[in-house]
Amino acid sequence: STGLPTKTEQTDLRQALYGRNGESPIVVMAAATPTDCFDM
């Protein structure tokens, strides 16, 4: 839910992978550092 809006976690992975109805495959990536966000 609203949780901790200004704090950090990695808790959306399963939602990104499977959070849709039906067999709905999707590409999922993750950036490693602030500057890596550009590359990713």
PDB file of all heavy atoms in Angstrom:
ATOM      1  N   SER A   1       0.839  -1.188   0.000  1.00  0.00           N
ATOM      2  CA  SER A   1       0.000   0.000   0.000  1.00  0.00           C
ATOM      3  C   SER A   1       0.882   1.249   0.000  1.00  0.00           C
ATOM      4  O   SER A   1       1.918   1.294  -0.652  1.00  0.00           O
ATOM      5  CB  SER A   1      -0.970  -0.018   1.190  1.00  0.00           C
ATOM      6  OG  SER A   1      -1.878   1.066   1.113  1.00  0.00           O
ATOM      7  N   THR A   2       0.499   2.263   0.768  1.00  0.00           N
ATOM      8  CA  THR A   2       1.299   3.484   0.810  1.00  0.00           C
ATOM      9  C   THR A   2       2.645   3.228   1.473  1.00  0.00           C
ATOM     10  O   THR A   2       3.649   3.836   1.121  1.00  0.00           O
ATOM     11  CB  THR A   2       0.532   4.600   1.559  1.00  0.00           C
ATOM     12  OG1 THR A   2      -0.787   4.673   1.032  1.00  0.00           O
ATOM     13  CG2 THR A   2       1.221   5.930   1.386  1.00  0.00           C
ATOM     14  N   GLY A   3       2.668   2.331   2.438  1.00  0.00           N
ATOM     15  CA  GLY A   3       3.922   1.826   2.998  1.00  0.00           C
ATOM     16  C   GLY A   3       4.872   2.905   3.477  1.00  0.00           C
ATOM     17  O   GLY A   3       4.530   3.768   4.279  1.00  0.00           O
ATOM     18  N   LEU A   4       6.089   2.859   2.941  1.00  0.00           N
ATOM     19  CA  LEU A   4       7.147   3.816   3.272  1.00  0.00           C
ATOM     20  C   LEU A   4       7.522   4.560   1.998  1.00  0.00           C
ATOM     21  O   LEU A   4       8.425   4.151   1.262  1.00  0.00           O
ATOM     22  CB  LEU A   4       8.374   3.086   3.831  1.00  0.00           C
ATOM     23  CG  LEU A   4       8.168   2.208   5.065  1.00  0.00           C
ATOM     24  CD1 LEU A   4       9.418   1.390   5.347  1.00  0.00           C
ATOM     25  CD2 LEU A   4       7.830   3.072   6.277  1.00  0.00           C
ATOM     26  N   PRO A   5       6.851   5.660   1.682  1.00  0.00           N
ATOM     27  CA  PRO A   5       7.010   6.291   0.364  1.00  0.00           C
ATOM     28  C   PRO A   5       8.428   6.748   0.050  1.00  0.00           C
ATOM     29  O   PRO A   5       8.818   6.780  -1.113  1.00  0.00           O
ATOM     30  CB  PRO A   5       6.055   7.489   0.427  1.00  0.00           C
ATOM     31  CG  PRO A   5       5.068   7.139   1.492  1.00  0.00           C
ATOM     32  CD  PRO A   5       5.826   6.328   2.499  1.00  0.00           C
ATOM     33  N   THR A   6       9.208   7.124   1.071  1.00  0.00           N
ATOM     34  CA  THR A   6      10.542   7.673   0.807  1.00  0.00           C
ATOM     35  C   THR A   6      11.647   6.661   1.076  1.00  0.00           C
ATOM     36  O   THR A   6      12.826   7.020   1.024  1.00  0.00           O
ATOM     37  CB  THR A   6      10.793   8.924   1.668  1.00  0.00           C
ATOM     38  OG1 THR A   6      10.755   8.555   3.058  1.00  0.00           O
ATOM     39  CG2 THR A   6       9.748   9.985   1.408  1.00  0.00           C
ATOM     40  N   LYS A   7      11.287   5.427   1.362  1.00  0.00           N
ATOM     41  CA  LYS A   7      12.301   4.423   1.696  1.00  0.00           C
ATOM     42  C   LYS A   7      12.425   3.400   0.562  1.00  0.00           C
ATOM     43  O   LYS A   7      11.604   3.333  -0.339  1.00  0.00           O
ATOM     44  CB  LYS A   7      11.953   3.732   3.019  1.00  0.00           C
ATOM     45  CG  LYS A   7      11.704   4.693   4.185  1.00  0.00           C
ATOM     46  CD  LYS A   7      12.887   5.609   4.442  1.00  0.00           C
ATOM     47  CE  LYS A   7      12.603   6.565   5.594  1.00  0.00           C
ATOM     48  NZ  LYS A   7      13.711   7.518   5.826  1.00  0.00           N
ATOM     49  N   THR A   8      13.459   2.585   0.633  1.00  0.00           N
ATOM     50  CA  THR A   8      13.792   1.713  -0.496  1.00  0.00           C
ATOM     51  C   THR A   8      13.535   0.243  -0.176  1.00  0.00           C
ATOM     52  O   THR A   8      13.698  -0.189   0.964  1.00  0.00           O
ATOM     53  CB  THR A   8      15.267   1.920  -0.895  1.00  0.00           C
ATOM     54  OG1 THR A   8      15.517   1.282  -2.151  1.00  0.00           O
ATOM     55  CG2 THR A   8      16.225   1.371   0.146  1.00  0.00           C
ATOM     56  N   GLU A   9      13.118  -0.501  -1.190  1.00  0.00           N
ATOM     57  CA  GLU A   9      12.932  -1.947  -1.089  1.00  0.00           C
ATOM     58  C   GLU A   9      13.090  -2.572  -2.470  1.00  0.00           C
ATOM     59  O   GLU A   9      13.211  -1.861  -3.474  1.00  0.00           O
ATOM     60  CB  GLU A   9      11.535  -2.303  -0.540  1.00  0.00           C
ATOM     61  CG  GLU A   9      11.385  -2.170   0.951  1.00  0.00           C
ATOM     62  CD  GLU A   9       9.996  -2.564   1.459  1.00  0.00           C
ATOM     63  OE1 GLU A   9       9.234  -3.176   0.679  1.00  0.00           O
ATOM     64  OE2 GLU A   9       9.679  -2.261   2.611  1.00  0.00           O
ATOM     65  N   GLN A  10      13.074  -3.906  -2.507  1.00  0.00           N
ATOM     66  CA  GLN A  10      13.068  -4.663  -3.767  1.00  0.00           C
ATOM     67  C   GLN A  10      11.868  -5.615  -3.767  1.00  0.00           C
ATOM     68  O   GLN A  10      11.982  -6.762  -4.163  1.00  0.00           O
ATOM     69  CB  GLN A  10      14.364  -5.471  -3.898  1.00  0.00           C
ATOM     70  CG  GLN A  10      15.611  -4.635  -4.088  1.00  0.00           C
ATOM     71  CD  GLN A  10      16.828  -5.515  -4.285  1.00  0.00           C
ATOM     72  OE1 GLN A  10      17.154  -6.347  -3.455  1.00  0.00           O
ATOM     73  NE2 GLN A  10      17.522  -5.334  -5.402  1.00  0.00           N
ATOM     74  N   THR A  11      10.745  -5.103  -3.369  1.00  0.00           N
ATOM     75  CA  THR A  11       9.592  -5.973  -3.115  1.00  0.00           C
ATOM     76  C   THR A  11       8.586  -6.023  -4.261  1.00  0.00           C
ATOM     77  O   THR A  11       7.533  -6.646  -4.127  1.00  0.00           O
ATOM     78  CB  THR A  11       8.882  -5.520  -1.828  1.00  0.00           C
ATOM     79  OG1 THR A  11       8.736  -4.096  -1.851  1.00  0.00           O
ATOM     80  CG2 THR A  11       9.684  -5.906  -0.609  1.00  0.00           C
ATOM     81  N   ASP A  12       8.904  -5.410  -5.401  1.00  0.00           N
ATOM     82  CA  ASP A  12       7.971  -5.420  -6.532  1.00  0.00           C
ATOM     83  C   ASP A  12       8.343  -6.457  -7.584  1.00  0.00           C
ATOM     84  O   ASP A  12       7.731  -6.493  -8.659  1.00  0.00           O
ATOM     85  CB  ASP A  12       7.928  -4.037  -7.211  1.00  0.00           C
ATOM     86  CG  ASP A  12       7.312  -2.975  -6.328  1.00  0.00           C
ATOM     87  OD1 ASP A  12       6.728  -3.331  -5.293  1.00  0.00           O
ATOM     88  OD2 ASP A  12       7.425  -1.782  -6.672  1.00  0.00           O
ATOM     89  N   LEU A  13       9.339  -7.290  -7.315  1.00  0.00           N
ATOM     90  CA  LEU A  13       9.815  -8.207  -8.347  1.00  0.00           C
ATOM     91  C   LEU A  13       8.723  -9.162  -8.812  1.00  0.00           C
ATOM     92  O   LEU A  13       8.480  -9.326 -10.011  1.00  0.00           O
ATOM     93  CB  LEU A  13      11.027  -8.997  -7.846  1.00  0.00           C
ATOM     94  CG  LEU A  13      11.584 -10.031  -8.824  1.00  0.00           C
ATOM     95  CD1 LEU A  13      12.023  -9.372 -10.120  1.00  0.00           C
ATOM     96  CD2 LEU A  13      12.737 -10.803  -8.195  1.00  0.00           C
ATOM     97  N   ARG A  14       8.063  -9.814  -7.882  1.00  0.00           N
ATOM     98  CA  ARG A  14       7.015 -10.766  -8.260  1.00  0.00           C
ATOM     99  C   ARG A  14       5.861 -10.063  -8.973  1.00  0.00           C
ATOM    100  O   ARG A  14       5.255 -10.608  -9.896  1.00  0.00           O
ATOM    101  CB  ARG A  14       6.504 -11.496  -7.026  1.00  0.00           C
ATOM    102  CG  ARG A  14       7.470 -12.550  -6.500  1.00  0.00           C
ATOM    103  CD  ARG A  14       7.364 -13.834  -7.290  1.00  0.00           C
ATOM    104  NE  ARG A  14       8.340 -14.845  -6.883  1.00  0.00           N
ATOM    105  CZ  ARG A  14       8.355 -16.074  -7.353  1.00  0.00           C
ATOM    106  NH1 ARG A  14       7.449 -16.459  -8.235  1.00  0.00           N
ATOM    107  NH2 ARG A  14       9.280 -16.930  -6.967  1.00  0.00           N
ATOM    108  N   GLN A  15       5.553  -8.852  -8.546  1.00  0.00           N
ATOM    109  CA  GLN A  15       4.503  -8.091  -9.225  1.00  0.00           C
ATOM    110  C   GLN A  15       4.915  -7.814 -10.674  1.00  0.00           C
ATOM    111  O   GLN A  15       4.094  -7.938 -11.595  1.00  0.00           O
ATOM    112  CB  GLN A  15       4.236  -6.768  -8.492  1.00  0.00           C
ATOM    113  CG  GLN A  15       3.134  -5.957  -9.145  1.00  0.00           C
ATOM    114  CD  GLN A  15       2.821  -4.648  -8.441  1.00  0.00           C
ATOM    115  OE1 GLN A  15       1.749  -4.097  -8.642  1.00  0.00           O
ATOM    116  NE2 GLN A  15       3.733  -4.139  -7.638  1.00  0.00           N
ATOM    117  N   ALA A  16       6.176  -7.450 -10.879  1.00  0.00           N
ATOM    118  CA  ALA A  16       6.645  -7.180 -12.236  1.00  0.00           C
ATOM    119  C   ALA A  16       6.611  -8.436 -13.099  1.00  0.00           C
ATOM    120  O   ALA A  16       6.233  -8.395 -14.276  1.00  0.00           O
ATOM    121  CB  ALA A  16       8.065  -6.614 -12.191  1.00  0.00           C
ATOM    122  N   LEU A  17       6.987  -9.558 -12.518  1.00  0.00           N
ATOM    123  CA  LEU A  17       7.039 -10.807 -13.275  1.00  0.00           C
ATOM    124  C   LEU A  17       5.652 -11.370 -13.579  1.00  0.00           C
ATOM    125  O   LEU A  17       5.396 -11.849 -14.691  1.00  0.00           O
ATOM    126  CB  LEU A  17       7.853 -11.853 -12.502  1.00  0.00           C
ATOM    127  CG  LEU A  17       9.371 -11.635 -12.432  1.00  0.00           C
ATOM    128  CD1 LEU A  17       9.985 -12.541 -11.375  1.00  0.00           C
ATOM    129  CD2 LEU A  17      10.011 -11.882 -13.793  1.00  0.00           C
ATOM    130  N   TYR A  18       4.752 -11.306 -12.594  1.00  0.00           N
ATOM    131  CA  TYR A  18       3.506 -12.063 -12.709  1.00  0.00           C
ATOM    132  C   TYR A  18       2.237 -11.241 -12.436  1.00  0.00           C
ATOM    133  O   TYR A  18       1.139 -11.817 -12.452  1.00  0.00           O
ATOM    134  CB  TYR A  18       3.526 -13.241 -11.730  1.00  0.00           C
ATOM    135  CG  TYR A  18       4.717 -14.154 -11.904  1.00  0.00           C
ATOM    136  CD1 TYR A  18       5.620 -14.346 -10.861  1.00  0.00           C
ATOM    137  CD2 TYR A  18       4.946 -14.822 -13.106  1.00  0.00           C
ATOM    138  CE1 TYR A  18       6.724 -15.183 -11.011  1.00  0.00           C
ATOM    139  CE2 TYR A  18       6.043 -15.656 -13.266  1.00  0.00           C
ATOM    140  CZ  TYR A  18       6.926 -15.839 -12.218  1.00  0.00           C
ATOM    141  OH  TYR A  18       8.009 -16.653 -12.374  1.00  0.00           O
ATOM    142  N   GLY A  19       2.365  -9.958 -12.202  1.00  0.00           N
ATOM    143  CA  GLY A  19       1.212  -9.192 -11.733  1.00  0.00           C
ATOM    144  C   GLY A  19       0.221  -8.788 -12.793  1.00  0.00           C
ATOM    145  O   GLY A  19      -0.173  -7.623 -12.891  1.00  0.00           O
ATOM    146  N   ARG A  20      -0.191  -9.746 -13.599  1.00  0.00           N
ATOM    147  CA  ARG A  20      -1.212  -9.502 -14.626  1.00  0.00           C
ATOM    148  C   ARG A  20      -2.069 -10.760 -14.756  1.00  0.00           C
ATOM    149  O   ARG A  20      -1.627 -11.856 -14.407  1.00  0.00           O
ATOM    150  CB  ARG A  20      -0.544  -9.191 -15.983  1.00  0.00           C
ATOM    151  CG  ARG A  20       0.249  -7.890 -15.975  1.00  0.00           C
ATOM    152  CD  ARG A  20       1.222  -7.812 -17.122  1.00  0.00           C
ATOM    153  NE  ARG A  20       2.232  -8.860 -17.081  1.00  0.00           N
ATOM    154  CZ  ARG A  20       3.287  -8.861 -16.268  1.00  0.00           C
ATOM    155  NH1 ARG A  20       3.461  -7.859 -15.421  1.00  0.00           N
ATOM    156  NH2 ARG A  20       4.165  -9.842 -16.277  1.00  0.00           N
ATOM    157  N   ASN A  21      -3.265 -10.620 -15.293  1.00  0.00           N
ATOM    158  CA  ASN A  21      -4.104 -11.806 -15.468  1.00  0.00           C
ATOM    159  C   ASN A  21      -3.669 -12.585 -16.698  1.00  0.00           C
ATOM    160  O   ASN A  21      -3.100 -12.029 -17.646  1.00  0.00           O
ATOM    161  CB  ASN A  21      -5.573 -11.409 -15.578  1.00  0.00           C
ATOM    162  CG  ASN A  21      -5.862 -10.625 -16.838  1.00  0.00           C
ATOM    163  OD1 ASN A  21      -5.317  -9.536 -17.036  1.00  0.00           O
ATOM    164  ND2 ASN A  21      -6.712 -11.154 -17.706  1.00  0.00           N
ATOM    165  N   GLY A  22      -3.924 -13.878 -16.665  1.00  0.00           N
ATOM    166  CA  GLY A  22      -3.591 -14.719 -17.810  1.00  0.00           C
ATOM    167  C   GLY A  22      -2.098 -14.993 -17.912  1.00  0.00           C
ATOM    168  O   GLY A  22      -1.293 -14.513 -17.110  1.00  0.00           O
ATOM    169  N   GLU A  23      -1.729 -15.806 -18.905  1.00  0.00           N
ATOM    170  CA  GLU A  23      -0.310 -16.047 -19.194  1.00  0.00           C
ATOM    171  C   GLU A  23       0.220 -14.811 -19.914  1.00  0.00           C
ATOM    172  O   GLU A  23      -0.029 -14.604 -21.089  1.00  0.00           O
ATOM    173  CB  GLU A  23      -0.150 -17.299 -20.053  1.00  0.00           C
ATOM    174  CG  GLU A  23      -0.471 -18.592 -19.323  1.00  0.00           C
ATOM    175  CD  GLU A  23       0.541 -18.900 -18.226  1.00  0.00           C
ATOM    176  OE1 GLU A  23       1.676 -18.397 -18.286  1.00  0.00           O
ATOM    177  OE2 GLU A  23       0.185 -19.654 -17.295  1.00  0.00           O
ATOM    178  N   SER A  24       0.909 -13.975 -19.152  1.00  0.00           N
ATOM    179  CA  SER A  24       1.261 -12.639 -19.642  1.00  0.00           C
ATOM    180  C   SER A  24       2.759 -12.392 -19.462  1.00  0.00           C
ATOM    181  O   SER A  24       3.175 -11.584 -18.626  1.00  0.00           O
ATOM    182  CB  SER A  24       0.443 -11.596 -18.873  1.00  0.00           C
ATOM    183  OG  SER A  24       0.662 -10.305 -19.368  1.00  0.00           O
ATOM    184  N   PRO A  25       3.609 -13.068 -20.236  1.00  0.00           N
ATOM    185  CA  PRO A  25       5.060 -12.937 -20.057  1.00  0.00           C
ATOM    186  C   PRO A  25       5.554 -11.553 -20.451  1.00  0.00           C
ATOM    187  O   PRO A  25       5.044 -10.948 -21.395  1.00  0.00           O
ATOM    188  CB  PRO A  25       5.624 -14.010 -20.992  1.00  0.00           C
ATOM    189  CG  PRO A  25       4.588 -14.162 -22.061  1.00  0.00           C
ATOM    190  CD  PRO A  25       3.274 -13.959 -21.372  1.00  0.00           C
ATOM    191  N   ILE A  26       6.547 -11.087 -19.727  1.00  0.00           N
ATOM    192  CA  ILE A  26       7.042  -9.739 -19.957  1.00  0.00           C
ATOM    193  C   ILE A  26       8.529  -9.687 -19.634  1.00  0.00           C
ATOM    194  O   ILE A  26       9.033 -10.471 -18.832  1.00  0.00           O
ATOM    195  CB  ILE A  26       6.253  -8.733 -19.083  1.00  0.00           C
ATOM    196  CG1 ILE A  26       6.325  -7.324 -19.660  1.00  0.00           C
ATOM    197  CG2 ILE A  26       6.712  -8.757 -17.649  1.00  0.00           C
ATOM    198  CD1 ILE A  26       5.336  -6.368 -19.021  1.00  0.00           C
ATOM    199  N   VAL A  27       9.240  -8.798 -20.283  1.00  0.00           N
ATOM    200  CA  VAL A  27      10.663  -8.614 -20.008  1.00  0.00           C
ATOM    201  C   VAL A  27      10.808  -7.798 -18.725  1.00  0.00           C
ATOM    202  O   VAL A  27      10.136  -6.780 -18.541  1.00  0.00           O
ATOM    203  CB  VAL A  27      11.363  -7.890 -21.173  1.00  0.00           C
ATOM    204  CG1 VAL A  27      12.850  -7.646 -20.847  1.00  0.00           C
ATOM    205  CG2 VAL A  27      11.233  -8.705 -22.450  1.00  0.00           C
ATOM    206  N   VAL A  28      11.679  -8.262 -17.830  1.00  0.00           N
ATOM    207  CA  VAL A  28      11.942  -7.546 -16.577  1.00  0.00           C
ATOM    208  C   VAL A  28      13.438  -7.352 -16.431  1.00  0.00           C
ATOM    209  O   VAL A  28      14.215  -8.307 -16.574  1.00  0.00           O
ATOM    210  CB  VAL A  28      11.388  -8.312 -15.359  1.00  0.00           C
ATOM    211  CG1 VAL A  28      11.713  -7.566 -14.067  1.00  0.00           C
ATOM    212  CG2 VAL A  28       9.877  -8.508 -15.487  1.00  0.00           C
ATOM    213  N   MET A  29      13.836  -6.106 -16.148  1.00  0.00           N
ATOM    214  CA  MET A  29      15.239  -5.757 -15.942  1.00  0.00           C
ATOM    215  C   MET A  29      15.366  -4.975 -14.647  1.00  0.00           C
ATOM    216  O   MET A  29      14.372  -4.505 -14.085  1.00  0.00           O
ATOM    217  CB  MET A  29      15.760  -4.878 -17.083  1.00  0.00           C
ATOM    218  CG  MET A  29      15.569  -5.421 -18.456  1.00  0.00           C
ATOM    219  SD  MET A  29      16.158  -4.191 -19.627  1.00  0.00           S
ATOM    220  CE  MET A  29      15.897  -5.083 -21.145  1.00  0.00           C
ATOM    221  N   ALA A  30      16.608  -4.793 -14.179  1.00  0.00           N
ATOM    222  CA  ALA A  30      16.835  -4.019 -12.957  1.00  0.00           C
ATOM    223  C   ALA A  30      18.165  -3.286 -13.056  1.00  0.00           C
ATOM    224  O   ALA A  30      19.186  -3.885 -13.421  1.00  0.00           O
ATOM    225  CB  ALA A  30      16.831  -4.934 -11.731  1.00  0.00           C
ATOM    226  N   ALA A  31      18.162  -2.012 -12.744  1.00  0.00           N
ATOM    227  CA  ALA A  31      19.392  -1.220 -12.742  1.00  0.00           C
ATOM    228  C   ALA A  31      20.160  -1.456 -11.448  1.00  0.00           C
ATOM    229  O   ALA A  31      19.576  -1.674 -10.387  1.00  0.00           O
ATOM    230  CB  ALA A  31      19.067   0.261 -12.902  1.00  0.00           C
ATOM    231  N   ALA A  32      21.493  -1.391 -11.520  1.00  0.00           N
ATOM    232  CA  ALA A  32      22.341  -1.742 -10.388  1.00  0.00           C
ATOM    233  C   ALA A  32      22.863  -0.541  -9.608  1.00  0.00           C
ATOM    234  O   ALA A  32      23.121  -0.643  -8.403  1.00  0.00           O
ATOM    235  CB  ALA A  32      23.532  -2.579 -10.871  1.00  0.00           C
ATOM    236  N   THR A  33      23.048   0.588 -10.262  1.00  0.00           N
ATOM    237  CA  THR A  33      23.614   1.785  -9.621  1.00  0.00           C
ATOM    238  C   THR A  33      22.912   3.011 -10.200  1.00  0.00           C
ATOM    239  O   THR A  33      22.227   2.914 -11.224  1.00  0.00           O
ATOM    240  CB  THR A  33      25.126   1.903  -9.892  1.00  0.00           C
ATOM    241  OG1 THR A  33      25.336   2.170 -11.298  1.00  0.00           O
ATOM    242  CG2 THR A  33      25.873   0.628  -9.489  1.00  0.00           C
ATOM    243  N   PRO A  34      23.112   4.189  -9.594  1.00  0.00           N
ATOM    244  CA  PRO A  34      22.511   5.393 -10.178  1.00  0.00           C
ATOM    245  C   PRO A  34      22.905   5.604 -11.635  1.00  0.00           C
ATOM    246  O   PRO A  34      22.049   5.887 -12.478  1.00  0.00           O
ATOM    247  CB  PRO A  34      23.038   6.519  -9.277  1.00  0.00           C
ATOM    248  CG  PRO A  34      23.240   5.864  -7.949  1.00  0.00           C
ATOM    249  CD  PRO A  34      23.733   4.488  -8.274  1.00  0.00           C
ATOM    250  N   THR A  35      24.190   5.460 -11.966  1.00  0.00           N
ATOM    251  CA  THR A  35      24.610   5.694 -13.343  1.00  0.00           C
ATOM    252  C   THR A  35      24.190   4.548 -14.267  1.00  0.00           C
ATOM    253  O   THR A  35      23.974   4.758 -15.463  1.00  0.00           O
ATOM    254  CB  THR A  35      26.127   5.903 -13.424  1.00  0.00           C
ATOM    255  OG1 THR A  35      26.804   4.793 -12.820  1.00  0.00           O
ATOM    256  CG2 THR A  35      26.533   7.172 -12.677  1.00  0.00           C
ATOM    257  N   ASP A  36      24.059   3.349 -13.720  1.00  0.00           N
ATOM    258  CA  ASP A  36      23.605   2.211 -14.521  1.00  0.00           C
ATOM    259  C   ASP A  36      22.162   2.394 -14.977  1.00  0.00           C
ATOM    260  O   ASP A  36      21.727   1.743 -15.942  1.00  0.00           O
ATOM    261  CB  ASP A  36      23.746   0.911 -13.721  1.00  0.00           C
ATOM    262  CG  ASP A  36      23.439  -0.334 -14.545  1.00  0.00           C
ATOM    263  OD1 ASP A  36      23.992  -0.456 -15.654  1.00  0.00           O
ATOM    264  OD2 ASP A  36      22.652  -1.177 -14.078  1.00  0.00           O
ATOM    265  N   CYS A  37      21.417   3.270 -14.322  1.00  0.00           N
ATOM    266  CA  CYS A  37      20.046   3.547 -14.756  1.00  0.00           C
ATOM    267  C   CYS A  37      20.028   4.054 -16.204  1.00  0.00           C
ATOM    268  O   CYS A  37      19.074   3.788 -16.944  1.00  0.00           O
ATOM    269  CB  CYS A  37      19.388   4.569 -13.832  1.00  0.00           C
ATOM    270  SG  CYS A  37      18.973   3.933 -12.190  1.00  0.00           S
ATOM    271  N   PHE A  38      21.062   4.779 -16.610  1.00  0.00           N
ATOM    272  CA  PHE A  38      21.149   5.240 -17.999  1.00  0.00           C
ATOM    273  C   PHE A  38      21.226   4.043 -18.939  1.00  0.00           C
ATOM    274  O   PHE A  38      20.452   3.928 -19.889  1.00  0.00           O
ATOM    275  CB  PHE A  38      22.372   6.137 -18.186  1.00  0.00           C
ATOM    276  CG  PHE A  38      22.591   6.577 -19.612  1.00  0.00           C
ATOM    277  CD1 PHE A  38      22.002   7.727 -20.090  1.00  0.00           C
ATOM    278  CD2 PHE A  38      23.381   5.826 -20.477  1.00  0.00           C
ATOM    279  CE1 PHE A  38      22.188   8.138 -21.412  1.00  0.00           C
ATOM    280  CE2 PHE A  38      23.578   6.219 -21.798  1.00  0.00           C
ATOM    281  CZ  PHE A  38      22.976   7.383 -22.267  1.00  0.00           C
ATOM    282  N   ASP A  39      22.173   3.148 -18.675  1.00  0.00           N
ATOM    283  CA  ASP A  39      22.365   1.994 -19.545  1.00  0.00           C
ATOM    284  C   ASP A  39      21.132   1.106 -19.595  1.00  0.00           C
ATOM    285  O   ASP A  39      20.741   0.612 -20.665  1.00  0.00           O
ATOM    286  CB  ASP A  39      23.567   1.173 -19.075  1.00  0.00           C
ATOM    287  CG  ASP A  39      24.893   1.837 -19.411  1.00  0.00           C
ATOM    288  OD1 ASP A  39      24.880   2.927 -20.024  1.00  0.00           O
ATOM    289  OD2 ASP A  39      25.947   1.289 -19.046  1.00  0.00           O
ATOM    290  N   MET A  40      20.518   0.892 -18.435  1.00  0.00           N
ATOM    291  CA  MET A  40      19.377  -0.025 -18.400  1.00  0.00           C
ATOM    292  C   MET A  40      18.123   0.587 -19.029  1.00  0.00           C
ATOM    293  O   MET A  40      17.306  -0.127 -19.615  1.00  0.00           O
ATOM    294  CB  MET A  40      19.117  -0.486 -16.973  1.00  0.00           C
ATOM    295  CG  MET A  40      20.251  -1.331 -16.396  1.00  0.00           C
ATOM    296  SD  MET A  40      20.754  -2.692 -17.482  1.00  0.00           S
ATOM    297  CE  MET A  40      19.364  -3.804 -17.296  1.00  0.00           C
TER     298      MET A  40
END
